[in-house]
Amino acid sequence: MNTQRALLQVGGTRWAARPATVRDALYSRPGVLGVRTNPVNQTALVSFDADRTTFTQLSAWVRECRRHCAGQTEPAHECALTP
């Protein structure tokens, strides 16, 4: 296994300030092995198996979620991109 770490900016997603939701959402991605969140600066330190995913794939997924959920509110909006 080729384990790497990356700091992802999760600000702008509807779940950025909720550490448990950030962890669950990122753990749902293939290859993610560990997640440490910081709700104050809205980042997540992600450990991942580089043989299964890449920093580029993970950051692209976060960007897509940010775009998809822009301006939406819960509970009326349920994002298919997060668990």
N, C-alpha and C. Protein backbone atom coordinates (compact mmCIF):
# COMPACT_ATOMS: atom_id res chain seq x y z
N MET A 1 0.84 -1.18 0.00
CA MET A 1 0.00 0.00 0.00
C MET A 1 0.89 1.24 0.00
N ASN A 2 0.52 2.20 -0.81
CA ASN A 2 1.26 3.46 -0.95
C ASN A 2 0.47 4.57 -0.25
N THR A 3 0.70 4.74 1.06
CA THR A 3 -0.06 5.71 1.85
C THR A 3 0.53 7.11 1.71
N GLN A 4 -0.36 8.07 1.42
CA GLN A 4 0.02 9.48 1.33
C GLN A 4 -0.97 10.31 2.13
N ARG A 5 -0.58 11.54 2.41
CA ARG A 5 -1.46 12.47 3.13
C ARG A 5 -1.61 13.76 2.33
N ALA A 6 -2.78 14.36 2.47
CA ALA A 6 -3.05 15.62 1.78
C ALA A 6 -4.00 16.46 2.62
N LEU A 7 -3.82 17.76 2.56
CA LEU A 7 -4.70 18.69 3.25
C LEU A 7 -5.71 19.22 2.24
N LEU A 8 -6.98 18.93 2.48
CA LEU A 8 -8.05 19.37 1.59
C LEU A 8 -8.80 20.54 2.20
N GLN A 9 -9.10 21.54 1.41
CA GLN A 9 -9.92 22.67 1.83
C GLN A 9 -11.37 22.27 1.57
N VAL A 10 -12.15 22.08 2.63
CA VAL A 10 -13.54 21.66 2.47
C VAL A 10 -14.52 22.81 2.67
N GLY A 11 -14.03 24.01 2.91
CA GLY A 11 -14.89 25.17 3.05
C GLY A 11 -15.74 25.37 1.82
N GLY A 12 -16.97 25.78 2.03
CA GLY A 12 -17.89 26.00 0.92
C GLY A 12 -18.80 24.82 0.67
N THR A 13 -18.49 23.68 1.26
CA THR A 13 -19.41 22.56 1.17
C THR A 13 -20.45 22.74 2.27
N ARG A 14 -21.60 22.15 2.11
CA ARG A 14 -22.66 22.33 3.11
C ARG A 14 -22.33 21.65 4.42
N TRP A 15 -21.32 20.77 4.43
CA TRP A 15 -20.98 19.99 5.62
C TRP A 15 -19.63 20.35 6.22
N ALA A 16 -19.01 21.43 5.80
CA ALA A 16 -17.64 21.77 6.20
C ALA A 16 -17.48 22.00 7.70
N ALA A 17 -18.47 22.54 8.36
CA ALA A 17 -18.34 22.87 9.78
C ALA A 17 -18.78 21.72 10.69
N ARG A 18 -19.12 20.57 10.11
CA ARG A 18 -19.55 19.43 10.91
C ARG A 18 -18.53 18.30 10.78
N PRO A 19 -17.61 18.20 11.75
CA PRO A 19 -16.50 17.23 11.65
C PRO A 19 -16.93 15.80 11.36
N ALA A 20 -17.97 15.31 12.01
CA ALA A 20 -18.39 13.93 11.79
C ALA A 20 -18.87 13.72 10.35
N THR A 21 -19.58 14.70 9.81
CA THR A 21 -20.07 14.59 8.44
C THR A 21 -18.92 14.66 7.45
N VAL A 22 -17.94 15.52 7.71
CA VAL A 22 -16.75 15.61 6.85
C VAL A 22 -16.05 14.25 6.83
N ARG A 23 -15.84 13.67 8.02
CA ARG A 23 -15.19 12.36 8.09
C ARG A 23 -15.98 11.30 7.32
N ASP A 24 -17.29 11.24 7.56
CA ASP A 24 -18.11 10.23 6.88
C ASP A 24 -18.08 10.41 5.37
N ALA A 25 -18.19 11.66 4.92
CA ALA A 25 -18.19 11.93 3.47
C ALA A 25 -16.87 11.51 2.84
N LEU A 26 -15.77 11.86 3.48
CA LEU A 26 -14.46 11.51 2.90
C LEU A 26 -14.16 10.03 3.03
N TYR A 27 -14.55 9.40 4.13
CA TYR A 27 -14.36 7.95 4.27
C TYR A 27 -15.15 7.17 3.22
N SER A 28 -16.20 7.76 2.67
CA SER A 28 -16.99 7.07 1.65
C SER A 28 -16.26 7.00 0.31
N ARG A 29 -15.20 7.77 0.17
CA ARG A 29 -14.44 7.79 -1.08
C ARG A 29 -13.47 6.61 -1.12
N PRO A 30 -13.33 5.95 -2.25
CA PRO A 30 -12.41 4.81 -2.36
C PRO A 30 -10.97 5.22 -2.02
N GLY A 31 -10.31 4.39 -1.24
CA GLY A 31 -8.90 4.61 -0.92
C GLY A 31 -8.61 5.49 0.28
N VAL A 32 -9.62 6.14 0.84
CA VAL A 32 -9.40 7.00 2.01
C VAL A 32 -9.21 6.12 3.24
N LEU A 33 -8.11 6.35 3.95
CA LEU A 33 -7.74 5.53 5.10
C LEU A 33 -7.94 6.25 6.43
N GLY A 34 -7.83 7.57 6.43
CA GLY A 34 -7.95 8.34 7.66
C GLY A 34 -8.31 9.78 7.37
N VAL A 35 -9.03 10.40 8.30
CA VAL A 35 -9.44 11.80 8.13
C VAL A 35 -9.35 12.50 9.48
N ARG A 36 -8.65 13.62 9.51
CA ARG A 36 -8.62 14.50 10.69
C ARG A 36 -9.16 15.84 10.24
N THR A 37 -10.19 16.31 10.92
CA THR A 37 -10.86 17.54 10.48
C THR A 37 -10.53 18.72 11.38
N ASN A 38 -10.64 19.90 10.80
CA ASN A 38 -10.52 21.14 11.55
C ASN A 38 -11.68 22.03 11.11
N PRO A 39 -12.77 22.06 11.90
CA PRO A 39 -13.93 22.84 11.49
C PRO A 39 -13.71 24.35 11.54
N VAL A 40 -12.71 24.80 12.29
CA VAL A 40 -12.45 26.23 12.38
C VAL A 40 -11.91 26.76 11.05
N ASN A 41 -10.88 26.08 10.50
CA ASN A 41 -10.36 26.55 9.21
C ASN A 41 -10.92 25.74 8.04
N GLN A 42 -11.87 24.85 8.32
CA GLN A 42 -12.59 24.06 7.32
C GLN A 42 -11.65 23.30 6.38
N THR A 43 -10.76 22.53 7.01
CA THR A 43 -9.86 21.66 6.27
C THR A 43 -9.98 20.24 6.78
N ALA A 44 -9.47 19.32 5.99
CA ALA A 44 -9.41 17.92 6.39
C ALA A 44 -8.06 17.37 5.96
N LEU A 45 -7.34 16.78 6.90
CA LEU A 45 -6.09 16.09 6.59
C LEU A 45 -6.46 14.65 6.30
N VAL A 46 -6.23 14.24 5.07
CA VAL A 46 -6.69 12.93 4.60
C VAL A 46 -5.50 12.03 4.32
N SER A 47 -5.52 10.83 4.90
CA SER A 47 -4.56 9.78 4.56
C SER A 47 -5.25 8.89 3.55
N PHE A 48 -4.54 8.55 2.48
CA PHE A 48 -5.18 7.75 1.44
C PHE A 48 -4.18 6.80 0.79
N ASP A 49 -4.72 5.76 0.20
CA ASP A 49 -3.93 4.78 -0.54
C ASP A 49 -3.78 5.32 -1.96
N ALA A 50 -2.57 5.75 -2.30
CA ALA A 50 -2.32 6.36 -3.61
C ALA A 50 -2.44 5.36 -4.75
N ASP A 51 -2.54 4.07 -4.44
CA ASP A 51 -2.79 3.08 -5.48
C ASP A 51 -4.27 3.01 -5.84
N ARG A 52 -5.14 3.61 -4.99
CA ARG A 52 -6.59 3.57 -5.21
C ARG A 52 -7.19 4.93 -5.53
N THR A 53 -6.54 6.01 -5.12
CA THR A 53 -7.05 7.36 -5.39
C THR A 53 -5.89 8.33 -5.39
N THR A 54 -6.14 9.56 -5.78
CA THR A 54 -5.10 10.58 -5.81
C THR A 54 -5.60 11.85 -5.15
N PHE A 55 -4.67 12.73 -4.83
CA PHE A 55 -5.05 14.05 -4.31
C PHE A 55 -5.94 14.76 -5.32
N THR A 56 -5.61 14.67 -6.58
CA THR A 56 -6.39 15.33 -7.63
C THR A 56 -7.82 14.82 -7.65
N GLN A 57 -8.01 13.52 -7.52
CA GLN A 57 -9.36 12.96 -7.50
C GLN A 57 -10.14 13.41 -6.27
N LEU A 58 -9.50 13.38 -5.11
CA LEU A 58 -10.18 13.79 -3.89
C LEU A 58 -10.55 15.27 -3.91
N SER A 59 -9.63 16.12 -4.33
CA SER A 59 -9.92 17.55 -4.36
C SER A 59 -10.97 17.88 -5.44
N ALA A 60 -10.97 17.14 -6.55
CA ALA A 60 -11.99 17.35 -7.58
C ALA A 60 -13.37 16.97 -7.05
N TRP A 61 -13.44 15.91 -6.27
CA TRP A 61 -14.71 15.49 -5.68
C TRP A 61 -15.24 16.57 -4.73
N VAL A 62 -14.36 17.14 -3.90
CA VAL A 62 -14.77 18.20 -2.97
C VAL A 62 -15.25 19.42 -3.77
N ARG A 63 -14.53 19.80 -4.83
CA ARG A 63 -14.96 20.93 -5.67
C ARG A 63 -16.32 20.67 -6.30
N GLU A 64 -16.54 19.45 -6.79
CA GLU A 64 -17.83 19.12 -7.40
C GLU A 64 -18.96 19.20 -6.38
N CYS A 65 -18.72 18.72 -5.17
CA CYS A 65 -19.73 18.82 -4.12
C CYS A 65 -20.02 20.28 -3.81
N ARG A 66 -18.96 21.08 -3.74
CA ARG A 66 -19.13 22.52 -3.46
C ARG A 66 -20.01 23.17 -4.53
N ARG A 67 -19.76 22.85 -5.80
CA ARG A 67 -20.56 23.43 -6.90
C ARG A 67 -21.99 22.90 -6.87
N HIS A 68 -22.13 21.60 -6.67
CA HIS A 68 -23.44 20.97 -6.70
C HIS A 68 -24.36 21.51 -5.60
N CYS A 69 -23.80 21.76 -4.43
CA CYS A 69 -24.61 22.15 -3.28
C CYS A 69 -24.68 23.67 -3.06
N ALA A 70 -24.07 24.45 -3.92
CA ALA A 70 -24.02 25.90 -3.73
C ALA A 70 -25.43 26.47 -3.60
N GLY A 71 -25.65 27.19 -2.51
CA GLY A 71 -26.92 27.87 -2.30
C GLY A 71 -28.04 26.97 -1.79
N GLN A 72 -27.78 25.70 -1.62
CA GLN A 72 -28.80 24.77 -1.15
C GLN A 72 -28.82 24.74 0.37
N THR A 73 -29.96 24.43 0.93
CA THR A 73 -30.08 24.31 2.38
C THR A 73 -30.63 22.94 2.74
N GLU A 74 -30.30 22.51 3.94
CA GLU A 74 -30.86 21.26 4.45
C GLU A 74 -32.09 21.60 5.28
N PRO A 75 -33.04 20.75 5.45
CA PRO A 75 -33.11 19.39 4.95
C PRO A 75 -33.70 19.28 3.55
N ALA A 76 -34.09 20.40 2.94
CA ALA A 76 -34.71 20.34 1.61
C ALA A 76 -33.77 19.78 0.55
N HIS A 77 -32.46 20.00 0.70
CA HIS A 77 -31.50 19.53 -0.30
C HIS A 77 -30.71 18.37 0.26
N GLU A 78 -30.77 17.25 -0.43
CA GLU A 78 -29.95 16.10 -0.06
C GLU A 78 -28.98 15.86 -1.20
N CYS A 79 -27.72 15.99 -0.91
CA CYS A 79 -26.70 15.85 -1.94
C CYS A 79 -26.39 14.38 -2.17
N ALA A 80 -26.46 13.96 -3.42
CA ALA A 80 -26.15 12.58 -3.78
C ALA A 80 -24.63 12.33 -3.69
N LEU A 81 -23.83 13.39 -3.57
CA LEU A 81 -22.38 13.23 -3.54
C LEU A 81 -21.87 12.88 -2.15
N THR A 82 -22.70 13.05 -1.12
CA THR A 82 -22.28 12.71 0.24
C THR A 82 -23.21 11.66 0.80
N PRO A 83 -22.72 10.86 1.76
CA PRO A 83 -23.57 9.79 2.32
C PRO A 83 -24.70 10.35 3.15
